[in-house]
Amino acid sequence: MLDQPDPIRVLCVDDHPLVRKGIASILANEADITLVGEADNGRDAVRLFRELRPDVVLMDLRMRDFDGIETTRAIHGEFPDARIVALTSYDGDQDIYRALEAGVRGYLLKETAYADVVHAIRTVHAGKRMMPPEVAERLSEHFPKIALTLRETEVLELVAKGLGNKEIADQIGTASGTVKMHVQNILDKLGAADRTHAVTLAIRRGILHIN
């Protein structure tokens, strides 16, 4: 009789208890997968990864203070072979791109079917990548495209708060003419007709997140 392989050890990171409970219920029905730990914030996730060394991490991207992107980068900084699957409500192409750049090997939206979560865990554990067609399509719609610089993103965040060019200039310590140039660059890069359109597009694509 052949020995059964060890189950895939999973760490779930999400700041919503109901989501973690749902994941636990899903995995409890899988003989080849076991949930070894849960974390409700990024800092605890890094600590638990060091202690538990899970095979796969299910990572929420939207968390307070230390978000999923930062957490993924921190884990990969110490453990380059870490296998992380983003399980998130963020569906903007910039969100997907940043997550892939940080090192995730799978990207699932939270409204995905339970069976897809299990499939993603097994796929990523096997050393492959997992990206559903709808996620790949969203990414391909906008890339390659010129990304906003950090300064342009900062300006756009202030535009979203309703500030005018002079108010933005005072806040970031530059001339209003420079802010006007940044705004024009933002409109050109996003293909936006005006400032309001630029904010709408940026929210849709995950460049900005409005709480």
Protein backbone atom coordinates (compact mmCIF):
# COMPACT_ATOMS: atom_id res chain seq x y z
CA MET A 1 0.00 0.00 0.00
CA LEU A 2 1.39 3.38 -1.07
CA ASP A 3 1.85 6.08 1.54
CA GLN A 4 -0.50 9.02 1.15
CA PRO A 5 1.29 12.32 0.40
CA ASP A 6 1.29 14.94 3.11
CA PRO A 7 -1.63 17.37 2.79
CA ILE A 8 -1.03 20.84 1.35
CA ARG A 9 -0.61 23.20 4.30
CA VAL A 10 -2.45 26.51 3.85
CA LEU A 11 -2.27 29.83 5.69
CA CYS A 12 -5.32 32.10 5.24
CA VAL A 13 -4.80 35.87 5.57
CA ASP A 14 -7.92 38.06 5.62
CA ASP A 15 -9.19 40.73 8.01
CA HIS A 16 -12.82 39.57 7.72
CA PRO A 17 -13.65 36.70 10.13
CA LEU A 18 -16.52 35.48 7.94
CA VAL A 19 -14.19 35.08 4.97
CA ARG A 20 -11.71 33.10 7.06
CA LYS A 21 -14.54 30.95 8.41
CA GLY A 22 -15.75 30.30 4.87
CA ILE A 23 -12.28 29.28 3.71
CA ALA A 24 -11.92 26.97 6.70
CA SER A 25 -15.24 25.31 5.83
CA ILE A 26 -14.19 24.80 2.22
CA LEU A 27 -10.81 23.30 3.07
CA ALA A 28 -12.24 21.05 5.79
CA ASN A 29 -13.85 18.98 3.03
CA GLU A 30 -10.59 18.40 1.15
CA ALA A 31 -8.56 15.37 2.25
CA ASP A 32 -5.35 16.65 0.59
CA ILE A 33 -5.49 20.20 2.02
CA THR A 34 -5.30 21.38 5.61
CA LEU A 35 -5.61 24.86 7.09
CA VAL A 36 -2.67 25.38 9.45
CA GLY A 37 -3.15 29.02 10.39
CA GLU A 38 -5.14 32.23 10.07
CA ALA A 39 -4.10 35.88 10.27
CA ASP A 40 -6.22 39.02 10.19
CA ASN A 41 -3.40 41.42 9.31
CA GLY A 42 -0.19 41.48 7.33
CA ARG A 43 2.27 41.66 10.19
CA ASP A 44 0.83 38.56 11.83
CA ALA A 45 0.85 36.86 8.42
CA VAL A 46 4.61 37.39 8.08
CA ARG A 47 5.17 36.11 11.62
CA LEU A 48 3.01 33.04 11.06
CA PHE A 49 4.70 32.28 7.76
CA ARG A 50 8.05 32.19 9.56
CA GLU A 51 6.64 29.87 12.23
CA LEU A 52 4.49 27.56 10.11
CA ARG A 53 6.18 27.60 6.68
CA PRO A 54 2.90 26.85 4.87
CA ASP A 55 2.91 25.42 1.35
CA VAL A 56 0.39 27.98 0.05
CA VAL A 57 -0.91 31.30 1.36
CA LEU A 58 -4.36 32.69 0.52
CA MET A 59 -3.83 36.46 0.73
CA ASP A 60 -6.38 39.24 0.87
CA LEU A 61 -5.03 42.43 -0.72
CA ARG A 62 -7.22 44.89 1.16
CA MET A 63 -6.18 45.06 4.79
CA ARG A 64 -5.58 47.94 7.18
CA ASP A 65 -2.07 49.26 7.80
CA PHE A 66 -0.01 46.49 6.18
CA ASP A 67 -1.91 45.46 3.05
CA GLY A 68 -1.64 42.27 1.01
CA ILE A 69 0.83 43.69 -1.50
CA GLU A 70 3.21 44.81 1.25
CA THR A 71 2.75 41.50 3.05
CA THR A 72 3.49 39.51 -0.10
CA ARG A 73 6.65 41.54 -0.70
CA ALA A 74 7.75 41.05 2.90
CA ILE A 75 7.24 37.28 2.75
CA HIS A 76 8.97 36.98 -0.61
CA GLY A 77 11.85 39.07 0.69
CA GLU A 78 12.58 36.34 3.24
CA PHE A 79 11.21 33.33 1.37
CA PRO A 80 11.56 33.75 -2.42
CA ASP A 81 9.89 30.40 -3.08
CA ALA A 82 6.72 31.28 -1.13
CA ARG A 83 3.59 30.36 -3.05
CA ILE A 84 0.92 33.00 -2.58
CA VAL A 85 -2.57 33.24 -4.07
CA ALA A 86 -4.36 36.59 -3.95
CA LEU A 87 -8.01 36.15 -2.99
CA THR A 88 -9.49 39.62 -3.22
CA SER A 89 -12.32 41.91 -4.26
CA TYR A 90 -9.86 44.14 -6.14
CA ASP A 91 -10.33 43.58 -9.88
CA GLY A 92 -8.54 46.61 -11.40
CA ASP A 93 -5.70 45.92 -13.81
CA GLN A 94 -3.30 47.95 -11.66
CA ASP A 95 -4.23 45.84 -8.62
CA ILE A 96 -3.54 42.66 -10.59
CA TYR A 97 -0.27 44.01 -11.97
CA ARG A 98 0.98 45.12 -8.55
CA ALA A 99 0.11 41.76 -7.03
CA LEU A 100 1.94 39.85 -9.76
CA GLU A 101 4.91 42.20 -9.44
CA ALA A 102 4.97 41.55 -5.68
CA GLY A 103 5.15 37.81 -6.30
CA VAL A 104 1.69 36.24 -6.18
CA ARG A 105 1.35 33.09 -8.28
CA GLY A 106 -2.42 33.08 -8.44
CA TYR A 107 -5.11 35.76 -8.50
CA LEU A 108 -8.73 34.99 -7.60
CA LEU A 109 -11.69 37.29 -7.05
CA LYS A 110 -13.72 36.66 -3.91
CA GLU A 111 -16.89 35.99 -5.88
CA THR A 112 -15.20 33.00 -7.51
CA ALA A 113 -16.64 29.52 -7.04
CA TYR A 114 -15.42 27.52 -4.06
CA ALA A 115 -14.08 24.85 -6.41
CA ASP A 116 -11.80 27.45 -8.03
CA VAL A 117 -10.19 28.24 -4.67
CA VAL A 118 -9.33 24.58 -4.12
CA HIS A 119 -8.10 24.25 -7.71
CA ALA A 120 -5.91 27.34 -7.30
CA ILE A 121 -4.31 25.94 -4.14
CA ARG A 122 -3.46 22.67 -5.86
CA THR A 123 -2.25 24.40 -9.03
CA VAL A 124 0.05 26.85 -7.24
CA HIS A 125 1.33 24.14 -4.91
CA ALA A 126 2.31 22.16 -8.02
CA GLY A 127 4.54 25.05 -9.09
CA LYS A 128 2.21 26.49 -11.71
CA ARG A 129 0.47 29.85 -11.96
CA MET A 130 -3.27 30.37 -11.69
CA MET A 131 -5.11 33.27 -13.33
CA PRO A 132 -8.76 32.88 -14.39
CA PRO A 133 -9.67 34.09 -17.90
CA GLU A 134 -11.58 37.14 -16.63
CA VAL A 135 -8.56 38.32 -14.65
CA ALA A 136 -6.18 37.78 -17.56
CA GLU A 137 -8.56 39.67 -19.84
CA ARG A 138 -8.75 42.62 -17.46
CA LEU A 139 -4.98 42.80 -17.35
CA SER A 140 -4.57 42.55 -21.13
CA GLU A 141 -7.04 45.39 -21.71
CA HIS A 142 -4.61 47.97 -20.35
CA PHE A 143 -1.09 46.61 -20.68
CA PRO A 144 1.38 47.51 -21.88
CA LYS A 145 0.53 51.11 -21.03
CA ILE A 146 2.49 53.93 -19.47
CA ALA A 147 1.93 53.88 -15.72
CA LEU A 148 1.44 56.96 -13.59
CA THR A 149 4.45 58.09 -11.61
CA LEU A 150 4.28 58.24 -7.81
CA ARG A 151 3.94 62.03 -7.99
CA GLU A 152 1.15 61.81 -10.56
CA THR A 153 -0.68 59.30 -8.39
CA GLU A 154 -0.29 61.63 -5.41
CA VAL A 155 -1.70 64.53 -7.44
CA LEU A 156 -4.60 62.40 -8.65
CA GLU A 157 -5.43 61.38 -5.06
CA LEU A 158 -5.70 65.07 -4.17
CA VAL A 159 -7.77 65.76 -7.28
CA ALA A 160 -10.13 63.01 -6.11
CA LYS A 161 -10.52 64.90 -2.81
CA GLY A 162 -11.75 67.94 -4.75
CA LEU A 163 -8.63 70.11 -4.44
CA GLY A 164 -7.77 72.64 -7.13
CA ASN A 165 -4.32 73.09 -8.67
CA LYS A 166 -3.22 75.82 -6.23
CA GLU A 167 -4.39 73.84 -3.21
CA ILE A 168 -2.55 70.76 -4.48
CA ALA A 169 0.57 72.83 -5.15
CA ASP A 170 0.51 74.18 -1.58
CA GLN A 171 0.07 70.69 -0.15
CA ILE A 172 2.88 68.99 -2.06
CA GLY A 173 5.20 72.01 -2.08
CA THR A 174 5.44 72.91 -5.75
CA ALA A 175 4.18 75.50 -8.24
CA SER A 176 0.60 75.45 -9.54
CA GLY A 177 2.01 75.36 -13.08
CA THR A 178 3.80 72.12 -12.24
CA VAL A 179 0.57 70.64 -10.89
CA LYS A 180 -1.20 71.67 -14.10
CA MET A 181 1.48 69.79 -16.07
CA HIS A 182 1.01 66.69 -13.87
CA VAL A 183 -2.75 66.81 -14.38
CA GLN A 184 -2.33 67.00 -18.15
CA ASN A 185 0.06 64.03 -18.08
CA ILE A 186 -2.49 62.09 -16.03
CA LEU A 187 -5.26 62.85 -18.53
CA ASP A 188 -3.05 61.80 -21.43
CA LYS A 189 -1.91 58.55 -19.81
CA LEU A 190 -5.41 57.51 -18.73
CA GLY A 191 -7.09 58.69 -21.91
CA ALA A 192 -9.41 60.83 -19.77
CA ALA A 193 -11.50 63.75 -21.00
CA ASP A 194 -11.27 65.74 -17.77
CA ARG A 195 -10.31 65.53 -14.10
CA THR A 196 -13.53 63.82 -13.02
CA HIS A 197 -13.19 61.25 -15.79
CA ALA A 198 -9.58 60.63 -14.73
CA VAL A 199 -10.63 59.90 -11.14
CA THR A 200 -13.41 57.57 -12.34
CA LEU A 201 -11.00 55.63 -14.58
CA ALA A 202 -8.37 55.46 -11.85
CA ILE A 203 -10.85 53.97 -9.36
CA ARG A 204 -12.10 51.46 -11.93
CA ARG A 205 -8.57 50.35 -12.77
CA GLY A 206 -7.39 50.11 -9.15
CA ILE A 207 -4.96 53.04 -9.35
CA LEU A 208 -6.97 54.78 -6.62
CA HIS A 209 -9.02 53.19 -3.83
CA ILE A 210 -11.70 55.29 -2.23
CA ASN A 211 -12.71 54.08 1.22
